[in-house]
Structure formats: structure tokens, C-alpha cells
């Protein structure tokens, strides 16, 4: 089976991933963004010219971007999933 593709795994529930996994992903994205901000700030201390201003711009605006990215959490998990629908129940409009 190692030479062949593995068979697809089907989900039997519409339950989403746990909140702890979601929070861990958010923390990781936020940590990466804030680390980049720190690199921009320290780099701005040791550079000159236009590069310094680009790094200062990054150090100033990355906190906002980091918060927006970190808060964009659980809605990303629902892109491909659909709510289960009953084949027997539907709302009829009454018009034919």
C-alpha cells in the first residue's frame, strides 16, 4: 500500500474540529506575525534609507494585520463542508 495512493477517508459527522485545535492554530499564526514584526523593528534600527522606512511601516502595521489574521479562525474550516440535508423533509412553497 506504500506504493499506491491511500484511499480517501470519509467523514461520518458534520462536527467541526475541536476548539483547542482552532486556538492552537490562531496562536501559531499570531506568534509568526509578531515575530516578523519584531524582526522589522530590530532591522529598522540597523538599516538606513528606504529599507528603514519599509521596516518601520511593517513594524507599525503588522500588529493590526496579525490580529485580523489570528481572529480569522473557525470560518475557514467551513468552506468545503455543507450541512447535512434530510432527503425526506423539505419546505414546499405551495406553488406548482
Foldseek 3Di string as FASTA:
>chain_A
DVVDDDDDDDDPDLDFDDPVVQLVVLVVLLVVLVVLLVVLVVVLVVDDDPSNVVSVVSNVCSVVVSVVVSVPTDVVRCPPDDDDDDPVDDDDPPDD
